[in-house]
Amino acid sequence: MMDGAGWGVGGFGIIWFLIAAALVVVPFWRLLPRFGMPSWLAIIAFIPLVALIYLWIMAFSKTSDR
């Protein structure tokens, strides 16, 4: 029988996931346009590999803001 393992206490796991995702997506939403990328790409930044790729792209891109 499934006991809700992995969802946290009382189903609050999804709330913690949404909070953590917002803490990652919002900064990327603000930063990506400065590096010539559309801000809507930040929506998939909650995937750790995607966030890491974005960080590498931003670290090694040449912008006029620096």
N, C-alpha and C. Protein backbone atom coordinates (compact mmCIF):
# COMPACT_ATOMS: atom_id res chain seq x y z
N MET A 1 0.84 -1.17 0.00
CA MET A 1 0.00 0.00 0.00
C MET A 1 0.89 1.25 0.00
N MET A 2 0.50 2.24 -0.76
CA MET A 2 1.28 3.46 -0.83
C MET A 2 0.97 4.34 0.36
N ASP A 3 2.00 4.83 0.99
CA ASP A 3 1.81 5.68 2.16
C ASP A 3 2.20 7.13 1.90
N GLY A 4 2.37 7.49 0.66
CA GLY A 4 2.73 8.87 0.34
C GLY A 4 4.19 9.19 0.54
N ALA A 5 5.03 8.16 0.59
CA ALA A 5 6.46 8.38 0.78
C ALA A 5 7.00 9.25 -0.35
N GLY A 6 7.80 10.21 0.01
CA GLY A 6 8.38 11.10 -0.99
C GLY A 6 7.60 12.39 -1.18
N TRP A 7 6.39 12.46 -0.66
CA TRP A 7 5.59 13.66 -0.82
C TRP A 7 5.67 14.56 0.40
N GLY A 8 6.39 14.15 1.40
CA GLY A 8 6.50 14.96 2.60
C GLY A 8 5.34 14.70 3.55
N VAL A 9 5.30 15.42 4.60
CA VAL A 9 4.25 15.23 5.61
C VAL A 9 2.97 15.88 5.12
N GLY A 10 1.95 15.08 4.93
CA GLY A 10 0.64 15.62 4.56
C GLY A 10 0.59 16.21 3.17
N GLY A 11 1.44 15.81 2.28
CA GLY A 11 1.41 16.32 0.91
C GLY A 11 2.09 17.66 0.72
N PHE A 12 2.85 18.11 1.71
CA PHE A 12 3.52 19.40 1.59
C PHE A 12 4.79 19.32 0.75
N GLY A 13 5.16 18.13 0.30
CA GLY A 13 6.36 17.97 -0.53
C GLY A 13 6.27 18.76 -1.81
N ILE A 14 5.09 18.78 -2.41
CA ILE A 14 4.91 19.52 -3.66
C ILE A 14 5.04 21.02 -3.41
N ILE A 15 4.61 21.47 -2.24
CA ILE A 15 4.76 22.89 -1.91
C ILE A 15 6.23 23.24 -1.77
N TRP A 16 7.01 22.38 -1.11
CA TRP A 16 8.45 22.62 -0.98
C TRP A 16 9.11 22.60 -2.35
N PHE A 17 8.66 21.70 -3.24
CA PHE A 17 9.22 21.66 -4.58
C PHE A 17 8.94 22.97 -5.32
N LEU A 18 7.73 23.48 -5.22
CA LEU A 18 7.38 24.73 -5.90
C LEU A 18 8.17 25.91 -5.34
N ILE A 19 8.39 25.92 -4.03
CA ILE A 19 9.19 26.98 -3.43
C ILE A 19 10.63 26.92 -3.93
N ALA A 20 11.19 25.71 -3.94
CA ALA A 20 12.57 25.54 -4.41
C ALA A 20 12.68 25.90 -5.89
N ALA A 21 11.70 25.50 -6.69
CA ALA A 21 11.73 25.82 -8.11
C ALA A 21 11.64 27.33 -8.32
N ALA A 22 10.82 28.01 -7.55
CA ALA A 22 10.72 29.47 -7.68
C ALA A 22 12.02 30.15 -7.30
N LEU A 23 12.70 29.62 -6.29
CA LEU A 23 13.99 30.21 -5.89
C LEU A 23 15.06 30.06 -6.97
N VAL A 24 14.89 29.12 -7.86
CA VAL A 24 15.83 28.93 -8.96
C VAL A 24 15.37 29.68 -10.21
N VAL A 25 14.08 29.60 -10.52
CA VAL A 25 13.56 30.15 -11.77
C VAL A 25 13.59 31.67 -11.79
N VAL A 26 13.23 32.32 -10.70
CA VAL A 26 13.13 33.79 -10.68
C VAL A 26 14.47 34.45 -11.00
N PRO A 27 15.60 34.05 -10.38
CA PRO A 27 16.86 34.69 -10.76
C PRO A 27 17.25 34.45 -12.22
N PHE A 28 16.99 33.23 -12.71
CA PHE A 28 17.29 32.96 -14.12
C PHE A 28 16.39 33.78 -15.03
N TRP A 29 15.16 34.00 -14.63
CA TRP A 29 14.21 34.81 -15.42
C TRP A 29 14.75 36.23 -15.60
N ARG A 30 15.40 36.74 -14.57
CA ARG A 30 15.97 38.09 -14.64
C ARG A 30 17.30 38.12 -15.38
N LEU A 31 18.10 37.06 -15.26
CA LEU A 31 19.45 37.05 -15.82
C LEU A 31 19.51 36.67 -17.31
N LEU A 32 18.71 35.73 -17.74
CA LEU A 32 18.83 35.23 -19.11
C LEU A 32 18.71 36.31 -20.19
N PRO A 33 17.78 37.28 -20.08
CA PRO A 33 17.72 38.32 -21.12
C PRO A 33 19.00 39.15 -21.23
N ARG A 34 19.74 39.29 -20.14
CA ARG A 34 21.00 40.05 -20.19
C ARG A 34 22.06 39.33 -21.00
N PHE A 35 21.87 38.03 -21.20
CA PHE A 35 22.83 37.24 -21.96
C PHE A 35 22.27 36.84 -23.32
N GLY A 36 21.24 37.52 -23.77
CA GLY A 36 20.69 37.31 -25.10
C GLY A 36 19.81 36.09 -25.24
N MET A 37 19.31 35.56 -24.16
CA MET A 37 18.44 34.39 -24.21
C MET A 37 17.04 34.81 -23.76
N PRO A 38 16.00 34.20 -24.33
CA PRO A 38 14.65 34.57 -23.91
C PRO A 38 14.38 34.16 -22.46
N SER A 39 13.65 34.99 -21.75
CA SER A 39 13.43 34.75 -20.33
C SER A 39 12.56 33.52 -20.07
N TRP A 40 11.72 33.11 -21.02
CA TRP A 40 10.87 31.95 -20.80
C TRP A 40 11.67 30.66 -20.67
N LEU A 41 12.93 30.66 -21.09
CA LEU A 41 13.77 29.47 -20.91
C LEU A 41 14.07 29.20 -19.44
N ALA A 42 13.84 30.19 -18.59
CA ALA A 42 14.07 30.01 -17.16
C ALA A 42 13.11 29.00 -16.56
N ILE A 43 11.99 28.74 -17.21
CA ILE A 43 11.01 27.81 -16.67
C ILE A 43 11.60 26.42 -16.50
N ILE A 44 12.53 26.02 -17.37
CA ILE A 44 13.11 24.68 -17.26
C ILE A 44 14.41 24.70 -16.45
N ALA A 45 14.73 25.82 -15.84
CA ALA A 45 15.96 25.92 -15.05
C ALA A 45 15.87 25.17 -13.73
N PHE A 46 14.68 24.72 -13.32
CA PHE A 46 14.58 23.96 -12.08
C PHE A 46 15.17 22.55 -12.24
N ILE A 47 15.44 22.14 -13.49
CA ILE A 47 16.14 20.88 -13.73
C ILE A 47 17.62 21.16 -13.52
N PRO A 48 18.27 20.45 -12.60
CA PRO A 48 19.65 20.80 -12.22
C PRO A 48 20.63 20.84 -13.39
N LEU A 49 20.55 19.91 -14.32
CA LEU A 49 21.48 19.91 -15.45
C LEU A 49 21.27 21.13 -16.34
N VAL A 50 20.03 21.52 -16.52
CA VAL A 50 19.72 22.71 -17.33
C VAL A 50 20.27 23.96 -16.65
N ALA A 51 20.09 24.06 -15.34
CA ALA A 51 20.61 25.22 -14.60
C ALA A 51 22.13 25.27 -14.71
N LEU A 52 22.78 24.13 -14.64
CA LEU A 52 24.24 24.09 -14.77
C LEU A 52 24.68 24.53 -16.16
N ILE A 53 23.98 24.10 -17.18
CA ILE A 53 24.30 24.51 -18.56
C ILE A 53 24.12 26.02 -18.71
N TYR A 54 23.02 26.56 -18.16
CA TYR A 54 22.80 28.00 -18.21
C TYR A 54 23.94 28.76 -17.53
N LEU A 55 24.36 28.27 -16.38
CA LEU A 55 25.45 28.94 -15.67
C LEU A 55 26.73 28.95 -16.50
N TRP A 56 27.03 27.85 -17.17
CA TRP A 56 28.22 27.80 -18.03
C TRP A 56 28.08 28.76 -19.21
N ILE A 57 26.90 28.81 -19.81
CA ILE A 57 26.68 29.73 -20.93
C ILE A 57 26.88 31.17 -20.48
N MET A 58 26.32 31.51 -19.31
CA MET A 58 26.44 32.89 -18.82
C MET A 58 27.87 33.20 -18.40
N ALA A 59 28.58 32.23 -17.86
CA ALA A 59 29.94 32.48 -17.39
C ALA A 59 30.90 32.75 -18.55
N PHE A 60 30.68 32.10 -19.68
CA PHE A 60 31.63 32.21 -20.77
C PHE A 60 31.12 33.03 -21.96
N SER A 61 29.98 33.69 -21.81
CA SER A 61 29.49 34.53 -22.89
C SER A 61 30.07 35.94 -22.75
N LYS A 62 30.14 36.61 -23.84
CA LYS A 62 30.65 37.98 -23.84
C LYS A 62 29.43 38.91 -23.92
N THR A 63 29.33 39.79 -22.92
CA THR A 63 28.23 40.77 -22.90
C THR A 63 28.83 42.16 -22.77
N SER A 64 28.04 43.14 -23.10
CA SER A 64 28.51 44.51 -23.01
C SER A 64 28.28 45.09 -21.61
N ASP A 65 27.59 44.34 -20.74
CA ASP A 65 27.28 44.83 -19.39
C ASP A 65 28.46 44.71 -18.44
N ARG A 66 29.47 43.97 -18.80
CA ARG A 66 30.59 43.76 -17.88
C ARG A 66 31.56 44.88 -17.87
